[in-house]
Amino acid sequence: MKCSPNDLDSQPANRGIDWEDATLDCNTEAYPMSINYWTKENSMMIVSNSKYITSIQDNTYKVHMKLTVVSVRPEDYGTYKCSARNSLGTTDGSIRLYRESILM
């Protein structure tokens, strides 16, 4: 059975702490298999590098996407989007990475 990517299952917000890593997660289902990617605040696609680690675990139709922001800095806070696309459609979900207040 063919289906366009369904709504992405993602947490709406995730806390980050300066200088620590933060991981964002998304899940979706699609067949035929989808093309999956991350963006930040509607900018260019995020690729794995020294700042971001992307990973995708998939089987026939289920996909689990992860984005790890390495050593979070103030400019890393904001809205990230996980997207899934195949020949039948596109869906995306937004996750806000926000600074966690630390009381001392």
N, C-alpha and C. Protein backbone atom coordinates (compact mmCIF):
# COMPACT_ATOMS: atom_id res chain seq x y z
N MET A 1 0.83 -1.18 0.00
CA MET A 1 0.00 0.00 0.00
C MET A 1 0.88 1.24 0.00
N LYS A 2 0.61 2.19 -0.85
CA LYS A 2 1.37 3.43 -0.91
C LYS A 2 0.70 4.48 -0.04
N CYS A 3 1.53 5.31 0.59
CA CYS A 3 0.98 6.42 1.37
C CYS A 3 1.99 7.55 1.43
N SER A 4 1.46 8.76 1.42
CA SER A 4 2.33 9.92 1.57
C SER A 4 2.82 9.96 3.01
N PRO A 5 3.90 10.69 3.30
CA PRO A 5 4.36 10.77 4.68
C PRO A 5 3.23 11.28 5.58
N ASN A 6 3.02 10.58 6.70
CA ASN A 6 1.97 11.03 7.61
C ASN A 6 2.52 12.13 8.50
N ASP A 7 1.67 12.68 9.34
CA ASP A 7 2.12 13.75 10.23
C ASP A 7 3.32 13.28 11.03
N LEU A 8 4.28 14.17 11.15
CA LEU A 8 5.47 13.83 11.91
C LEU A 8 5.16 13.87 13.39
N ASP A 9 5.63 12.88 14.09
CA ASP A 9 5.49 12.80 15.54
C ASP A 9 6.77 13.37 16.12
N SER A 10 6.68 14.55 16.71
CA SER A 10 7.86 15.19 17.28
C SER A 10 7.48 15.93 18.55
N GLN A 11 8.44 16.11 19.43
CA GLN A 11 8.16 16.89 20.63
C GLN A 11 8.10 18.37 20.21
N PRO A 12 7.16 19.16 20.74
CA PRO A 12 7.04 20.55 20.30
C PRO A 12 8.19 21.44 20.76
N ALA A 13 8.83 21.08 21.86
CA ALA A 13 9.92 21.90 22.37
C ALA A 13 10.93 21.01 23.09
N ASN A 14 12.15 21.49 23.15
CA ASN A 14 13.22 20.74 23.79
C ASN A 14 14.12 21.74 24.49
N ARG A 15 14.49 21.45 25.73
CA ARG A 15 15.37 22.35 26.48
C ARG A 15 16.81 22.12 26.09
N GLY A 16 17.56 23.20 26.04
CA GLY A 16 18.99 23.12 25.80
C GLY A 16 19.74 23.84 26.90
N ILE A 17 20.94 23.42 27.12
CA ILE A 17 21.81 24.06 28.10
C ILE A 17 23.08 24.46 27.37
N ASP A 18 23.51 25.71 27.58
CA ASP A 18 24.72 26.19 26.91
C ASP A 18 25.87 25.22 27.11
N TRP A 19 26.59 24.95 26.03
CA TRP A 19 27.79 24.13 25.97
C TRP A 19 27.53 22.65 26.14
N GLU A 20 26.27 22.22 26.21
CA GLU A 20 25.94 20.80 26.23
C GLU A 20 25.26 20.43 24.92
N ASP A 21 25.27 19.13 24.58
CA ASP A 21 24.60 18.66 23.36
C ASP A 21 23.09 18.58 23.59
N ALA A 22 22.32 18.84 22.55
CA ALA A 22 20.85 18.70 22.60
C ALA A 22 20.42 17.84 21.43
N THR A 23 19.52 16.88 21.67
CA THR A 23 19.05 15.99 20.61
C THR A 23 17.56 16.17 20.39
N LEU A 24 17.18 16.34 19.11
CA LEU A 24 15.79 16.49 18.69
C LEU A 24 15.39 15.23 17.94
N ASP A 25 14.14 14.77 18.11
CA ASP A 25 13.66 13.53 17.49
C ASP A 25 12.36 13.75 16.73
N CYS A 26 12.22 13.03 15.61
CA CYS A 26 10.98 13.01 14.81
C CYS A 26 10.73 11.59 14.32
N ASN A 27 9.46 11.22 14.20
CA ASN A 27 9.07 9.92 13.64
C ASN A 27 7.99 10.13 12.59
N THR A 28 8.05 9.34 11.53
CA THR A 28 7.01 9.39 10.50
C THR A 28 6.90 8.03 9.83
N GLU A 29 5.87 7.88 9.01
CA GLU A 29 5.67 6.67 8.21
C GLU A 29 5.35 7.10 6.79
N ALA A 30 5.93 6.39 5.82
CA ALA A 30 5.66 6.70 4.40
C ALA A 30 6.05 5.51 3.54
N TYR A 31 5.33 5.35 2.43
CA TYR A 31 5.70 4.36 1.42
C TYR A 31 5.19 4.86 0.08
N PRO A 32 6.03 5.00 -0.93
CA PRO A 32 7.43 4.61 -0.94
C PRO A 32 8.26 5.42 0.06
N MET A 33 9.46 4.92 0.34
CA MET A 33 10.32 5.54 1.34
C MET A 33 10.45 7.03 1.07
N SER A 34 10.59 7.77 2.15
CA SER A 34 10.66 9.23 2.05
C SER A 34 12.10 9.73 2.08
N ILE A 35 12.27 10.93 1.56
CA ILE A 35 13.51 11.68 1.72
C ILE A 35 13.31 12.50 2.98
N ASN A 36 14.26 12.44 3.90
CA ASN A 36 14.09 13.07 5.22
C ASN A 36 15.24 14.04 5.47
N TYR A 37 14.90 15.19 6.05
CA TYR A 37 15.94 16.19 6.29
C TYR A 37 15.50 17.18 7.37
N TRP A 38 16.48 17.93 7.88
CA TRP A 38 16.27 18.95 8.91
C TRP A 38 16.62 20.32 8.34
N THR A 39 15.91 21.35 8.82
CA THR A 39 16.27 22.75 8.54
C THR A 39 16.12 23.53 9.83
N LYS A 40 16.75 24.71 9.88
CA LYS A 40 16.59 25.60 11.03
C LYS A 40 15.97 26.89 10.55
N GLU A 41 14.82 27.24 11.13
CA GLU A 41 14.11 28.49 10.84
C GLU A 41 14.04 28.77 9.34
N ASN A 42 13.56 27.77 8.61
CA ASN A 42 13.32 27.88 7.16
C ASN A 42 14.55 28.23 6.34
N SER A 43 15.71 27.86 6.83
CA SER A 43 16.92 28.09 6.05
C SER A 43 17.32 26.81 5.32
N MET A 44 18.56 26.74 4.91
CA MET A 44 19.03 25.60 4.13
C MET A 44 19.03 24.31 4.95
N MET A 45 19.07 23.21 4.24
CA MET A 45 19.08 21.89 4.85
C MET A 45 20.32 21.73 5.74
N ILE A 46 20.13 21.10 6.89
CA ILE A 46 21.23 20.83 7.81
C ILE A 46 21.86 19.50 7.41
N VAL A 47 23.18 19.50 7.29
CA VAL A 47 23.91 18.26 7.01
C VAL A 47 24.84 17.98 8.19
N SER A 48 25.22 16.72 8.36
CA SER A 48 26.13 16.36 9.44
C SER A 48 27.47 17.05 9.25
N ASN A 49 27.95 17.63 10.34
CA ASN A 49 29.27 18.27 10.36
C ASN A 49 29.70 18.37 11.82
N SER A 50 30.66 19.22 12.14
CA SER A 50 31.14 19.29 13.51
C SER A 50 30.11 19.92 14.46
N LYS A 51 29.13 20.65 13.92
CA LYS A 51 28.10 21.32 14.72
C LYS A 51 26.83 20.47 14.87
N TYR A 52 26.46 19.77 13.80
CA TYR A 52 25.22 18.99 13.78
C TYR A 52 25.50 17.54 13.42
N ILE A 53 24.85 16.62 14.13
CA ILE A 53 24.92 15.20 13.79
C ILE A 53 23.50 14.76 13.45
N THR A 54 23.31 14.35 12.20
CA THR A 54 21.99 13.86 11.78
C THR A 54 22.05 12.35 11.65
N SER A 55 20.96 11.70 12.02
CA SER A 55 20.88 10.25 11.82
C SER A 55 19.44 9.89 11.48
N ILE A 56 19.31 8.84 10.68
CA ILE A 56 18.00 8.35 10.27
C ILE A 56 18.00 6.84 10.40
N GLN A 57 17.01 6.32 11.11
CA GLN A 57 16.81 4.88 11.20
C GLN A 57 15.49 4.59 10.50
N ASP A 58 15.54 3.73 9.49
CA ASP A 58 14.30 3.44 8.79
C ASP A 58 14.20 1.96 8.47
N ASN A 59 12.96 1.53 8.29
CA ASN A 59 12.70 0.20 7.77
C ASN A 59 11.79 0.39 6.57
N THR A 60 10.96 -0.52 6.27
CA THR A 60 10.14 -0.43 5.07
C THR A 60 9.35 0.86 4.99
N TYR A 61 8.76 1.30 6.08
CA TYR A 61 7.94 2.52 6.02
C TYR A 61 8.07 3.42 7.24
N LYS A 62 8.63 2.96 8.34
CA LYS A 62 8.78 3.79 9.53
C LYS A 62 10.16 4.44 9.54
N VAL A 63 10.18 5.72 9.92
CA VAL A 63 11.43 6.47 9.94
C VAL A 63 11.57 7.19 11.28
N HIS A 64 12.76 7.09 11.88
CA HIS A 64 13.09 7.83 13.10
C HIS A 64 14.26 8.75 12.76
N MET A 65 14.04 10.05 12.86
CA MET A 65 15.07 11.04 12.55
C MET A 65 15.58 11.66 13.84
N LYS A 66 16.91 11.87 13.91
CA LYS A 66 17.52 12.52 15.06
C LYS A 66 18.44 13.63 14.58
N LEU A 67 18.42 14.73 15.31
CA LEU A 67 19.37 15.82 15.08
C LEU A 67 20.00 16.16 16.41
N THR A 68 21.32 16.04 16.50
CA THR A 68 22.04 16.44 17.70
C THR A 68 22.77 17.73 17.41
N VAL A 69 22.49 18.75 18.23
CA VAL A 69 23.20 20.02 18.14
C VAL A 69 24.35 19.91 19.14
N VAL A 70 25.57 19.95 18.64
CA VAL A 70 26.76 19.74 19.46
C VAL A 70 27.13 21.04 20.17
N SER A 71 27.35 20.95 21.46
CA SER A 71 27.81 22.08 22.27
C SER A 71 26.98 23.33 21.98
N VAL A 72 25.72 23.30 22.43
CA VAL A 72 24.76 24.37 22.14
C VAL A 72 25.29 25.73 22.57
N ARG A 73 25.12 26.69 21.66
CA ARG A 73 25.49 28.09 21.92
C ARG A 73 24.24 28.94 21.74
N PRO A 74 24.27 30.20 22.18
CA PRO A 74 23.06 31.05 22.08
C PRO A 74 22.47 31.11 20.67
N GLU A 75 23.27 31.14 19.64
CA GLU A 75 22.75 31.24 18.27
C GLU A 75 22.07 29.95 17.79
N ASP A 76 22.21 28.86 18.55
CA ASP A 76 21.59 27.59 18.17
C ASP A 76 20.13 27.49 18.62
N TYR A 77 19.72 28.33 19.56
CA TYR A 77 18.33 28.28 20.02
C TYR A 77 17.42 28.79 18.92
N GLY A 78 16.24 28.21 18.82
CA GLY A 78 15.29 28.61 17.79
C GLY A 78 14.47 27.41 17.35
N THR A 79 13.84 27.54 16.19
CA THR A 79 12.94 26.50 15.68
C THR A 79 13.61 25.68 14.59
N TYR A 80 13.58 24.37 14.78
CA TYR A 80 14.11 23.42 13.80
C TYR A 80 12.92 22.69 13.18
N LYS A 81 13.07 22.32 11.92
CA LYS A 81 11.99 21.62 11.23
C LYS A 81 12.51 20.30 10.69
N CYS A 82 11.78 19.21 10.98
CA CYS A 82 12.07 17.91 10.38
C CYS A 82 11.05 17.70 9.27
N SER A 83 11.52 17.26 8.12
CA SER A 83 10.65 17.12 6.95
C SER A 83 10.81 15.74 6.33
N ALA A 84 9.70 15.24 5.78
CA ALA A 84 9.69 13.96 5.06
C ALA A 84 8.92 14.17 3.76
N ARG A 85 9.50 13.66 2.66
CA ARG A 85 8.87 13.86 1.35
C ARG A 85 9.02 12.60 0.51
N ASN A 86 7.94 12.22 -0.17
CA ASN A 86 8.03 11.17 -1.19
C ASN A 86 7.18 11.59 -2.38
N SER A 87 7.01 10.72 -3.35
CA SER A 87 6.30 11.08 -4.57
C SER A 87 4.82 11.39 -4.33
N LEU A 88 4.31 11.05 -3.16
CA LEU A 88 2.89 11.26 -2.87
C LEU A 88 2.61 12.46 -1.98
N GLY A 89 3.66 13.08 -1.44
CA GLY A 89 3.41 14.25 -0.59
C GLY A 89 4.58 14.60 0.30
N THR A 90 4.35 15.63 1.12
CA THR A 90 5.36 16.15 2.03
C THR A 90 4.69 16.47 3.36
N THR A 91 5.43 16.28 4.45
CA THR A 91 4.96 16.72 5.76
C THR A 91 6.16 17.21 6.55
N ASP A 92 5.91 18.05 7.53
CA ASP A 92 7.00 18.50 8.39
C ASP A 92 6.47 18.79 9.79
N GLY A 93 7.40 18.83 10.71
CA GLY A 93 7.09 19.14 12.11
C GLY A 93 8.12 20.10 12.64
N SER A 94 7.71 20.98 13.55
CA SER A 94 8.62 21.97 14.12
C SER A 94 8.92 21.65 15.57
N ILE A 95 10.17 21.86 15.94
CA ILE A 95 10.61 21.66 17.32
C ILE A 95 11.39 22.90 17.73
N ARG A 96 11.00 23.49 18.85
CA ARG A 96 11.70 24.68 19.33
C ARG A 96 12.75 24.26 20.35
N LEU A 97 13.98 24.65 20.12
CA LEU A 97 15.06 24.44 21.08
C LEU A 97 15.19 25.73 21.87
N TYR A 98 14.95 25.64 23.18
CA TYR A 98 15.02 26.85 24.00
C TYR A 98 16.00 26.66 25.14
N ARG A 99 16.50 27.79 25.64
CA ARG A 99 17.49 27.77 26.71
C ARG A 99 16.82 27.42 28.03
N GLU A 100 17.39 26.44 28.71
CA GLU A 100 16.89 26.07 30.03
C GLU A 100 17.54 27.00 31.06
N SER A 101 16.71 27.53 31.93
CA SER A 101 17.24 28.39 33.00
C SER A 101 17.82 27.50 34.09
N ILE A 102 19.01 27.84 34.50
CA ILE A 102 19.67 27.08 35.57
C ILE A 102 19.79 27.99 36.78
N LEU A 103 19.17 27.58 37.87
CA LEU A 103 19.23 28.35 39.10
C LEU A 103 20.44 27.93 39.91
N MET A 104 21.13 28.91 40.43
CA MET A 104 22.32 28.60 41.24
C MET A 104 22.13 29.11 42.63
